[in-house]
Protein backbone atom coordinates (compact mmCIF):
# COMPACT_ATOMS: atom_id res chain seq x y z
CA UNK A 1 19.81 -61.24 95.21
CA UNK A 2 17.53 -60.18 98.12
CA UNK A 3 14.46 -58.03 98.17
CA UNK A 4 13.53 -56.03 101.25
CA UNK A 5 10.37 -54.01 101.21
CA UNK A 6 9.58 -51.09 103.51
CA UNK A 7 6.23 -49.93 103.85
CA UNK A 8 6.34 -46.42 105.31
CA UNK A 9 4.40 -43.43 106.73
CA UNK A 10 4.95 -41.66 103.80
CA UNK A 11 6.13 -43.69 100.34
CA UNK A 12 6.42 -47.29 99.96
CA UNK A 13 10.66 -48.46 99.30
CA UNK A 14 11.93 -51.37 97.37
CA UNK A 15 16.07 -51.86 96.93
CA UNK A 16 17.83 -55.18 95.72
CA UNK A 17 20.98 -56.83 97.64
CA UNK A 18 23.57 -58.98 96.51
CA UNK A 19 25.01 -61.41 98.59
CA UNK A 20 27.62 -58.51 99.99
CA UNK A 21 25.59 -56.27 101.31
CA UNK A 22 25.27 -53.73 98.25
CA UNK A 23 21.97 -52.37 97.40
CA UNK A 24 21.67 -52.90 93.18
CA UNK A 25 18.62 -51.17 92.78
CA UNK A 26 16.00 -49.31 94.66
CA UNK A 27 12.94 -47.30 94.21
CA UNK A 28 10.34 -45.20 95.98
CA UNK A 29 6.91 -44.27 95.91
CA UNK A 30 4.37 -42.41 97.82
CA UNK A 31 1.04 -42.00 98.83
CA UNK A 32 -0.58 -39.20 100.82
CA UNK A 33 -2.02 -39.65 105.16
CA UNK A 34 -5.56 -38.17 105.42
CA UNK A 35 -5.92 -36.25 108.53
CA UNK A 36 -9.57 -35.87 108.56
CA UNK A 37 -9.75 -34.25 112.63
CA UNK A 38 -7.10 -32.79 114.83
CA UNK A 39 -5.29 -36.18 116.00
CA UNK A 40 -6.52 -38.60 112.65
CA UNK A 41 -3.53 -39.65 110.57
CA UNK A 42 -5.41 -42.38 107.69
CA UNK A 43 -4.23 -44.18 104.80
CA UNK A 44 -5.90 -46.63 102.29
CA UNK A 45 -4.27 -49.69 102.21
CA UNK A 46 -4.72 -49.58 97.95
CA UNK A 47 -1.98 -46.58 97.81
CA UNK A 48 0.00 -49.32 99.77
CA UNK A 49 -0.45 -51.75 97.60
CA UNK A 50 -0.55 -49.76 93.94
CA UNK A 51 3.29 -48.20 95.66
CA UNK A 52 4.55 -51.52 96.80
CA UNK A 53 3.31 -53.41 93.56
CA UNK A 54 5.21 -50.45 90.75
CA UNK A 55 8.66 -49.77 93.56
CA UNK A 56 9.06 -53.79 92.89
CA UNK A 57 8.12 -53.65 88.81
CA UNK A 58 10.58 -50.80 88.90
CA UNK A 59 13.57 -52.87 91.12
CA UNK A 60 13.01 -55.77 89.89
CA UNK A 61 13.57 -54.01 85.79
CA UNK A 62 16.60 -52.85 86.54
CA UNK A 63 18.14 -56.00 87.95
CA UNK A 64 20.50 -58.50 85.78
CA UNK A 65 18.51 -61.23 85.17
CA UNK A 66 15.12 -59.06 84.90
CA UNK A 67 14.23 -60.38 88.68
CA UNK A 68 14.90 -64.27 87.65
CA UNK A 69 17.59 -63.60 90.25
CA UNK A 70 15.80 -63.15 93.68
CA UNK A 71 16.02 -65.70 96.10
CA UNK A 72 13.74 -64.06 98.96
CA UNK A 73 11.87 -61.41 100.20
CA UNK A 74 11.60 -59.26 103.47
CA UNK A 75 9.04 -56.96 104.56
CA UNK A 76 9.03 -53.92 107.36
CA UNK A 77 6.71 -50.63 108.33
CA UNK A 78 5.33 -48.30 109.86
CA UNK A 79 4.46 -49.80 113.24
CA UNK A 80 0.68 -50.43 115.58
CA UNK A 81 -1.50 -49.57 112.53
CA UNK A 82 -5.05 -51.50 112.37
CA UNK A 83 -6.04 -52.77 109.10
CA UNK A 84 -9.50 -54.35 109.24
CA UNK A 85 -9.99 -57.18 106.67
CA UNK A 86 -13.77 -59.18 105.88
CA UNK A 87 -14.33 -62.09 104.71
CA UNK A 88 -13.03 -62.01 101.39
CA UNK A 89 -9.65 -59.89 102.95
CA UNK A 90 -10.57 -56.61 101.07
CA UNK A 91 -10.17 -53.89 103.97
CA UNK A 92 -13.38 -52.35 105.32
CA UNK A 93 -12.05 -48.65 106.40
CA UNK A 94 -9.40 -46.34 106.06
CA UNK A 95 -6.19 -47.81 107.79
CA UNK A 96 -5.69 -46.06 111.19
CA UNK A 97 -2.11 -45.01 111.96
CA UNK A 98 0.22 -44.90 114.44
CA UNK A 99 1.17 -41.12 114.49
CA UNK A 100 -3.44 -41.49 115.50
CA UNK A 101 -4.01 -40.57 118.66
CA UNK A 102 -7.77 -40.88 119.32
CA UNK A 103 -7.95 -44.05 121.08
CA UNK A 104 -6.38 -42.43 124.40
CA UNK A 105 -9.20 -43.15 126.15
CA UNK A 106 -9.74 -46.75 125.04
CA UNK A 107 -5.43 -46.32 126.27
CA UNK A 108 -7.26 -45.74 129.27
CA UNK A 109 -10.27 -48.12 129.90
CA UNK A 110 -7.85 -51.43 128.75
CA UNK A 111 -5.66 -49.71 131.66
CA UNK A 112 -7.92 -49.97 133.46
CA UNK A 113 -9.93 -53.36 132.91
CA UNK A 114 -5.85 -55.60 132.81
CA UNK A 115 -6.13 -54.29 136.81
CA UNK A 116 -4.06 -51.61 136.45
CA UNK A 117 -0.78 -50.45 135.03
CA UNK A 118 1.71 -52.92 136.85
CA UNK A 119 -0.66 -56.05 135.46
CA UNK A 120 -0.76 -54.62 131.71
CA UNK A 121 2.92 -54.18 132.12
CA UNK A 122 2.55 -57.67 133.80
CA UNK A 123 1.36 -59.60 130.69
CA UNK A 124 2.55 -57.48 127.97
CA UNK A 125 5.95 -55.33 129.45
CA UNK A 126 4.38 -52.27 127.51
CA UNK A 127 1.75 -50.03 128.95
CA UNK A 128 -0.78 -48.87 126.36
CA UNK A 129 -0.30 -46.21 124.41
CA UNK A 130 -2.49 -44.12 122.87
CA UNK A 131 -0.96 -45.72 118.78
CA UNK A 132 -0.90 -48.88 119.92
CA UNK A 133 -3.37 -50.87 117.69
CA UNK A 134 -5.18 -52.34 120.73
CA UNK A 135 -6.29 -49.33 121.67
CA UNK A 136 -7.48 -48.80 118.43
CA UNK A 137 -9.01 -52.38 118.08
CA UNK A 138 -11.29 -51.10 121.22
CA UNK A 139 -12.06 -47.99 119.64
CA UNK A 140 -13.19 -48.98 116.16
CA UNK A 141 -14.87 -51.90 118.18
CA UNK A 142 -17.13 -49.23 119.94
CA UNK A 143 -17.88 -46.12 117.05
CA UNK A 144 -18.15 -48.15 114.05
CA UNK A 145 -20.04 -51.07 115.47
CA UNK A 146 -21.58 -52.32 112.18
CA UNK A 147 -17.78 -52.98 110.58
CA UNK A 148 -16.82 -54.76 113.18
CA UNK A 149 -18.93 -56.41 113.33
CA UNK A 150 -17.99 -57.77 109.69
CA UNK A 151 -14.07 -57.89 110.19
CA UNK A 152 -12.61 -61.18 110.44
CA UNK A 153 -9.04 -60.20 110.23
CA UNK A 154 -6.52 -57.13 111.75
CA UNK A 155 -3.53 -56.52 110.03
CA UNK A 156 -0.74 -54.23 110.78
CA UNK A 157 0.19 -52.20 107.30
CA UNK A 158 3.00 -54.59 106.26
CA UNK A 159 1.22 -57.73 107.00
CA UNK A 160 -1.50 -56.21 104.14
CA UNK A 161 1.16 -56.54 101.91
CA UNK A 162 1.83 -59.99 103.14
CA UNK A 163 -1.07 -60.95 102.85
CA UNK A 164 -1.76 -58.94 98.50
CA UNK A 165 1.97 -60.79 98.33
CA UNK A 166 0.72 -64.67 99.36
CA UNK A 167 -2.42 -64.42 100.44
CA UNK A 168 -1.43 -65.62 104.11
CA UNK A 169 -2.08 -63.85 107.33
CA UNK A 170 0.84 -63.42 109.46
CA UNK A 171 2.79 -61.57 111.44
CA UNK A 172 6.63 -61.67 113.04
CA UNK A 173 7.37 -60.74 116.71
CA UNK A 174 8.55 -57.82 116.52
CA UNK A 175 5.28 -56.33 115.27
CA UNK A 176 3.33 -57.99 117.10
CA UNK A 177 5.22 -56.41 119.82
CA UNK A 178 3.95 -52.92 118.65
CA UNK A 179 0.27 -54.28 119.27
CA UNK A 180 0.39 -53.62 122.67
CA UNK A 181 -1.53 -57.64 122.71
CA UNK A 182 1.93 -59.34 122.74
CA UNK A 183 3.55 -61.32 125.53
CA UNK A 184 6.91 -60.08 124.50
CA UNK A 185 8.76 -62.11 127.08
CA UNK A 186 6.90 -65.75 126.11
CA UNK A 187 7.28 -63.70 122.63
CA UNK A 188 2.91 -65.17 121.81
CA UNK A 189 -0.33 -63.08 122.32
CA UNK A 190 -1.21 -62.41 125.63
CA UNK A 191 -4.65 -64.72 125.72
CA UNK A 192 -4.79 -63.06 129.58
CA UNK A 193 -4.93 -59.56 128.36
CA UNK A 194 -7.56 -60.29 125.43
CA UNK A 195 -9.86 -62.50 126.97
CA UNK A 196 -10.11 -59.60 129.86
CA UNK A 197 -10.79 -57.26 126.52
CA UNK A 198 -13.00 -59.51 124.72
CA UNK A 199 -10.92 -59.35 121.93
CA UNK A 200 -11.45 -62.83 119.95
CA UNK A 201 -7.72 -64.23 119.14
CA UNK A 202 -9.01 -65.40 115.83
CA UNK A 203 -8.94 -61.64 114.06
CA UNK A 204 -5.30 -61.70 115.03
CA UNK A 205 -2.20 -63.48 112.62
CA UNK A 206 -0.52 -65.85 113.45
CA UNK A 207 2.71 -65.05 114.38
CA UNK A 208 6.77 -65.87 113.38
CA UNK A 209 10.01 -64.80 114.34
CA UNK A 210 11.86 -62.06 111.33
CA UNK A 211 13.74 -65.09 110.12
CA UNK A 212 10.90 -67.89 109.26
CA UNK A 213 9.06 -67.68 106.35
CA UNK A 214 5.74 -67.12 105.81
CA UNK A 215 4.49 -68.77 102.71
CA UNK A 216 4.84 -67.68 98.81
CA UNK A 217 4.57 -65.21 96.15
CA UNK A 218 0.84 -65.78 94.34
CA UNK A 219 2.26 -67.13 91.24
CA UNK A 220 0.73 -64.66 88.89
CA UNK A 221 2.83 -61.72 90.57
CA UNK A 222 5.84 -63.59 90.78
CA UNK A 223 4.68 -63.88 86.33
CA UNK A 224 4.21 -60.47 86.53
CA UNK A 225 7.12 -59.52 88.68
CA UNK A 226 9.65 -61.92 86.48
CA UNK A 227 10.68 -63.29 90.12
CA UNK A 228 10.93 -67.27 90.52
CA UNK A 229 7.64 -69.18 91.46
CA UNK A 230 7.30 -69.93 94.70
CA UNK A 231 9.88 -66.92 95.93
CA UNK A 232 9.90 -66.72 99.62
CA UNK A 233 7.92 -64.22 102.12
CA UNK A 234 9.86 -63.47 105.69
CA UNK A 235 8.13 -62.69 108.64
CA UNK A 236 11.03 -59.40 108.80
CA UNK A 237 9.84 -56.55 111.23
CA UNK A 238 8.44 -53.30 112.40
CA UNK A 239 10.49 -50.44 111.30
CA UNK A 240 11.67 -49.26 114.38
CA UNK A 241 12.90 -52.49 115.61
CA UNK A 242 14.55 -53.87 112.16
CA UNK A 243 16.02 -49.90 111.37
CA UNK A 244 17.65 -50.86 114.43
CA UNK A 245 18.97 -53.90 113.14
CA UNK A 246 19.80 -52.66 110.38
CA UNK A 247 22.01 -50.58 112.11
CA UNK A 248 23.84 -53.72 113.83
CA UNK A 249 22.48 -52.96 116.76
CA UNK A 250 22.06 -56.71 118.28
CA UNK A 251 22.94 -56.51 121.51
CA UNK A 252 24.19 -53.89 124.42
CA UNK A 253 26.10 -51.33 124.27
CA UNK A 254 25.85 -48.83 121.15
CA UNK A 255 22.45 -46.92 121.24
CA UNK A 256 21.04 -46.31 117.48
CA UNK A 257 19.27 -42.87 116.35
CA UNK A 258 16.79 -43.00 114.14
CA UNK A 259 15.91 -39.00 112.53
CA UNK A 260 13.40 -40.27 110.31
CA UNK A 261 9.07 -38.98 110.35
CA UNK A 262 9.42 -39.64 113.63
CA UNK A 263 12.77 -40.58 116.06
CA UNK A 264 13.26 -43.72 117.37
CA UNK A 265 16.36 -43.86 120.54
CA UNK A 266 16.54 -47.96 120.49
CA UNK A 267 19.19 -50.82 121.70
CA UNK A 268 19.33 -54.48 121.87
CA UNK A 269 19.59 -56.85 124.41
CA UNK A 270 20.06 -60.96 124.94
CA UNK A 271 17.02 -60.83 128.24
CA UNK A 272 13.84 -59.41 128.13
CA UNK A 273 14.54 -56.11 130.74
CA UNK A 274 11.80 -55.60 132.91
CA UNK A 275 9.90 -51.70 132.21
CA UNK A 276 9.14 -50.12 135.62
CA UNK A 277 6.75 -47.85 135.18
CA UNK A 278 6.15 -48.24 131.35
CA UNK A 279 8.25 -45.52 130.50
CA UNK A 280 9.73 -47.10 127.26
CA UNK A 281 9.12 -49.83 124.08
CA UNK A 282 9.74 -52.87 124.62
CA UNK A 283 9.92 -55.31 121.88
CA UNK A 284 10.74 -58.42 120.78
CA UNK A 285 14.83 -58.43 118.89
CA UNK A 286 14.55 -59.82 115.27
CA UNK A 287 16.20 -62.31 115.88
CA UNK A 288 15.09 -65.55 118.42
CA UNK A 289 16.30 -64.73 122.04
CA UNK A 290 16.66 -60.74 121.71
CA UNK A 291 14.82 -58.29 123.00
CA UNK A 292 15.07 -54.74 121.67
CA UNK A 293 14.39 -51.41 124.30
CA UNK A 294 13.51 -47.50 122.44
CA UNK A 295 11.41 -45.15 123.63
CA UNK A 296 9.67 -43.01 120.00
CA UNK A 297 9.16 -39.26 119.65
CA UNK A 298 6.07 -39.42 117.57
CA UNK A 299 8.00 -35.85 115.70
CA UNK A 300 11.68 -35.52 114.51
CA UNK A 301 11.46 -34.75 111.14
CA UNK A 302 8.36 -34.73 110.71
CA UNK A 303 8.39 -31.22 112.40
CA UNK A 304 11.46 -30.19 110.10
CA UNK A 305 9.74 -30.56 107.42
CA UNK A 306 6.16 -29.61 108.74
CA UNK A 307 8.56 -26.05 109.37
CA UNK A 308 9.46 -26.53 104.66
CA UNK A 309 5.59 -26.76 104.60
CA UNK A 310 4.40 -24.71 106.85
CA UNK A 311 6.06 -22.14 104.88
CA UNK A 312 5.67 -23.13 101.15
CA UNK A 313 2.96 -21.55 100.85
CA UNK A 314 4.05 -17.81 101.69
CA UNK A 315 6.75 -18.53 99.34
CA UNK A 316 5.80 -20.29 96.08
CA UNK A 317 8.21 -17.68 93.68
CA UNK A 318 10.92 -18.71 96.18
CA UNK A 319 10.80 -22.42 97.76
CA UNK A 320 11.78 -23.23 100.39
CA UNK A 321 13.75 -26.47 100.50
CA UNK A 322 14.72 -28.45 102.80
CA UNK A 323 18.26 -28.56 102.42
CA UNK A 324 17.60 -24.15 102.18
CA UNK A 325 16.53 -24.77 105.23
CA UNK A 326 19.31 -26.85 106.71
CA UNK A 327 22.38 -24.47 105.05
CA UNK A 328 20.79 -21.27 106.69
CA UNK A 329 20.49 -23.56 109.83
CA UNK A 330 24.23 -24.16 109.38
CA UNK A 331 24.75 -19.98 109.66
CA UNK A 332 23.76 -20.53 113.65
CA UNK A 333 25.40 -20.81 116.25
CA UNK A 334 24.61 -23.86 119.25
CA UNK A 335 21.67 -22.79 121.21
CA UNK A 336 19.83 -20.54 118.44
CA UNK A 337 20.17 -17.37 120.25
CA UNK A 338 17.97 -18.56 123.25
CA UNK A 339 14.81 -19.59 121.13
CA UNK A 340 13.85 -23.67 122.07
CA UNK A 341 11.63 -26.15 120.57
CA UNK A 342 9.11 -28.89 121.93
CA UNK A 343 8.36 -30.85 119.02
CA UNK A 344 4.89 -32.03 120.33
CA UNK A 345 3.33 -31.09 117.27
CA UNK A 346 1.36 -35.06 117.26
CA UNK A 347 1.18 -35.32 121.01
CA UNK A 348 4.15 -36.92 122.67
CA UNK A 349 4.56 -40.95 123.13
CA UNK A 350 8.71 -40.33 124.94
CA UNK A 351 9.29 -39.58 127.42
CA UNK A 352 5.76 -38.57 127.78
CA UNK A 353 3.16 -39.99 127.12
CA UNK A 354 1.25 -36.82 126.30
CA UNK A 355 -1.56 -37.69 123.39
CA UNK A 356 -2.64 -34.07 123.76
CA UNK A 357 0.66 -32.17 124.20
CA UNK A 358 1.24 -29.48 121.14
CA UNK A 359 4.59 -27.88 120.13
CA UNK A 360 6.21 -24.50 121.20
CA UNK A 361 8.53 -21.94 120.31
CA UNK A 362 10.17 -20.06 123.39
CA UNK A 363 12.01 -17.53 123.54
CA UNK A 364 10.82 -15.56 120.26
CA UNK A 365 12.50 -12.14 119.96
CA UNK A 366 12.96 -9.62 116.49
CA UNK A 367 16.47 -10.70 116.23
CA UNK A 368 15.21 -14.10 115.49
CA UNK A 369 14.86 -15.14 111.80
CA UNK A 370 14.41 -17.81 109.29
CA UNK A 371 18.19 -19.52 110.42
CA UNK A 372 17.34 -19.52 114.10
CA UNK A 373 13.84 -21.36 113.71
CA UNK A 374 15.25 -23.73 111.46
CA UNK A 375 18.00 -24.66 113.88
CA UNK A 376 15.58 -24.20 117.07
CA UNK A 377 13.22 -27.32 115.54
CA UNK A 378 16.85 -29.52 114.85
CA UNK A 379 17.77 -29.19 118.21
CA UNK A 380 14.35 -29.24 119.86
CA UNK A 381 14.16 -32.88 118.55
CA UNK A 382 17.31 -34.02 119.38
CA UNK A 383 17.41 -32.30 123.17
CA UNK A 384 13.89 -34.22 122.93
CA UNK A 385 15.33 -37.78 121.72
CA UNK A 386 17.85 -36.57 124.48
CA UNK A 387 15.83 -36.93 127.51
CA UNK A 388 14.44 -40.11 125.46
CA UNK A 389 18.01 -41.96 126.33
CA UNK A 390 17.82 -40.80 129.99
CA UNK A 391 14.91 -43.18 130.45
CA UNK A 392 16.26 -45.97 128.54
CA UNK A 393 19.99 -45.42 130.61
CA UNK A 394 16.74 -45.72 133.49
CA UNK A 395 16.04 -49.04 132.37
CA UNK A 396 19.07 -50.66 131.85
CA UNK A 397 20.03 -49.90 128.49
CA UNK A 398 23.87 -48.79 128.41
CA UNK A 399 25.20 -46.12 125.59
CA UNK A 400 28.83 -46.44 125.17
CA UNK A 401 28.31 -44.95 121.02
CA UNK A 402 25.68 -43.55 118.96
CA UNK A 403 24.79 -44.82 115.96
CA UNK A 404 22.50 -42.84 113.57
CA UNK A 405 20.01 -43.37 110.64
CA UNK A 406 17.21 -42.11 108.67
CA UNK A 407 16.42 -39.90 105.96
CA UNK A 408 17.17 -36.51 108.23
CA UNK A 409 21.04 -37.36 108.69
CA UNK A 410 21.85 -37.19 105.23
CA UNK A 411 21.80 -34.33 105.50
CA UNK A 412 25.37 -33.43 108.08
CA UNK A 413 24.32 -31.26 110.54
CA UNK A 414 21.52 -33.24 112.24
CA UNK A 415 25.01 -35.67 112.97
CA UNK A 416 27.03 -33.35 114.50
CA UNK A 417 23.98 -31.54 116.56
CA UNK A 418 23.67 -35.34 117.54
CA UNK A 419 27.27 -36.00 118.42
CA UNK A 420 27.25 -32.21 120.56
CA UNK A 421 23.61 -32.95 122.30
CA UNK A 422 24.67 -36.12 123.63
CA UNK A 423 28.68 -35.64 124.23
CA UNK A 424 28.87 -38.85 122.85
CA UNK A 425 30.70 -40.29 119.85
CA UNK A 426 27.93 -40.69 116.60
CA UNK A 427 28.79 -43.17 113.87
CA UNK A 428 26.47 -44.49 110.18
CA UNK A 429 26.52 -47.24 108.38
CA UNK A 430 27.04 -48.69 104.92
CA UNK A 431 22.87 -49.14 104.14
CA UNK A 432 22.23 -47.24 107.02
CA UNK A 433 20.33 -45.07 104.83
CA UNK A 434 17.63 -47.72 103.22
CA UNK A 435 15.88 -47.36 106.64
CA UNK A 436 14.17 -50.91 107.16
CA UNK A 437 14.32 -52.46 104.31
CA UNK A 438 17.68 -53.26 104.10
CA UNK A 439 17.53 -54.77 107.36
CA UNK A 440 14.20 -56.89 105.92
CA UNK A 441 16.40 -58.08 103.30
CA UNK A 442 19.24 -58.87 105.53
CA UNK A 443 16.49 -61.14 107.74
CA UNK A 444 15.03 -62.67 104.01
CA UNK A 445 18.75 -63.75 103.71
CA UNK A 446 19.29 -65.07 107.51
CA UNK A 447 15.77 -67.03 105.81
CA UNK A 448 17.33 -68.19 102.64
CA UNK A 449 20.84 -69.67 104.17
CA UNK A 450 22.99 -66.96 102.58
CA UNK A 451 24.05 -66.51 106.69
CA UNK A 452 24.17 -68.22 109.67
CA UNK A 453 21.90 -65.44 111.64
CA UNK A 454 21.29 -62.22 112.11
CA UNK A 455 25.16 -61.64 113.95
CA UNK A 456 26.86 -62.90 110.37
CA UNK A 457 24.70 -60.41 108.50
CA UNK A 458 25.17 -57.04 110.08
CA UNK A 459 29.18 -58.25 109.76
CA UNK A 460 28.93 -56.36 106.20
CA UNK A 461 28.23 -53.10 107.85
CA UNK A 462 30.94 -50.81 107.56
CA UNK A 463 31.39 -47.25 109.53
CA UNK A 464 30.81 -44.94 107.21
CA UNK A 465 31.08 -41.26 109.00
CA UNK A 466 32.26 -40.60 112.12
CA UNK A 467 31.56 -37.50 114.14
CA UNK A 468 32.20 -36.49 117.41
CA UNK A 469 31.35 -33.66 119.94
CA UNK A 470 33.08 -30.33 120.19
CA UNK A 471 33.46 -29.46 123.43
CA UNK A 472 31.94 -26.05 123.41
CA UNK A 473 28.85 -27.11 122.02
CA UNK A 474 28.40 -29.69 123.95
CA UNK A 475 28.79 -27.01 127.50
CA UNK A 476 26.38 -25.18 125.93
CA UNK A 477 24.05 -27.95 124.67
CA UNK A 478 24.56 -28.81 128.58
CA UNK A 479 22.97 -26.21 130.44
CA UNK A 480 20.40 -25.64 127.45
CA UNK A 481 19.00 -29.12 127.94
CA UNK A 482 18.53 -28.31 132.05
CA UNK A 483 15.67 -26.08 130.29
CA UNK A 484 15.01 -27.42 127.73
CA UNK A 485 13.80 -30.81 129.78
CA UNK A 486 11.48 -28.17 131.87
CA UNK A 487 9.25 -27.31 129.18
CA UNK A 488 6.73 -29.37 128.77
CA UNK A 489 5.95 -29.34 132.68
CA UNK A 490 6.03 -26.14 132.42
CA UNK A 491 3.52 -25.75 129.38
CA UNK A 492 1.47 -28.68 130.50
CA UNK A 493 -1.52 -26.78 131.70
CA UNK A 494 -1.94 -25.19 128.85
CA UNK A 495 -2.35 -28.51 127.08
CA UNK A 496 -5.99 -29.23 126.95
CA UNK A 497 -8.02 -32.36 128.51
CA UNK A 498 -8.32 -35.18 126.40
CA UNK A 499 -10.85 -35.01 124.77
CA UNK A 500 -13.21 -38.63 123.44
CA UNK A 501 -13.36 -39.55 120.45
């Protein structure tokens, strides 16, 4: 049995996967996000560990042999977060998350320090985005110098779990790519950029490939979870990247659309592509010799959850659930009768680097009701992702079909809207509902020798559902898309200038 652990933004998911690729047990434990100022997002690493500990114990308790059959553990998790540890490995502050926008001024400074965007892209293949770890490190150094002086290691979230599991400081190439400090083309830290920024390389963890072992579970933990002593823990991956792997997307052709809290448009490549203008994100893939191209929208399924939560206080006696919103949206035709939604609740990363952007409804009239609001949010999310796809196509990523994943896609309306907006066959595949946890388990399986490589591992996947475009809806969405893509430029003068944190 293989264990996959996914440290998400809202919860930690643990699954157990058999040699045939079947998910035989799973557990989920959630934790809060702390938002103390606009644009800030933090979590307590202790909450991550508690959730992982409880979920793993629950999963192993369900296994036929009570955990004794576990062969290896793979990790994945939310990318870009800053977890600062002191010399004893104790967190010095709450972790700063991927969707935190406070470091936008520091990212501008980093770009200038690197010699401009083209030079930065030469070193790393990526623009320094406000969500990336690199900008957070500079912010931390400037705004909390005493804590920074005590810092001995800086880890991404999943790698904090790795440290608690094994005592080792390590990350994998895909998660390292999302720091903005990694030479993606050569799969190593960019010593050139670190030197320019005066960031000590010793603060950063060692880097391995996703299928490489990084240590073994500590004896006291193995005993607590009833798993074998010396159970290996493998590199795994950043969630956005290994989620794509879990969808079977290792090479060019199909493109993955993940609608979770964020929205991800991504595909694989067998060579490291260029990134003119830095409009997409280039990461190392989860296997040597493969790379990953993606664009990320900060609010996707999260926008739909926001709508539910915004309505909750006023409807406590008659709660509005996600299921109810989806049912109401089904009664509304494509285009939401002229109502458009721009989903920039947390600023935006792609298709526009716009940390100060905000969300909007345009076209509201008295005839619109809750069903229109719900459907327009869904459509706005997918129309925004279509814009991201166009950027990816310009970067050389082909798209002959869509593979969909993410928690939101449990609702089939999301999948039909994807097919209609993109005018492409849209499918889901087995295992994809478990997200990055499934990909992490597959990487662990390659590591322990169950499969020769990830290409063989993803051969276990099969098409689950297929959605074909509706020609009338395609025509409607093509017309709407022209108006939707003009919204950002039209509203941009209303967005505030970024204020230094």
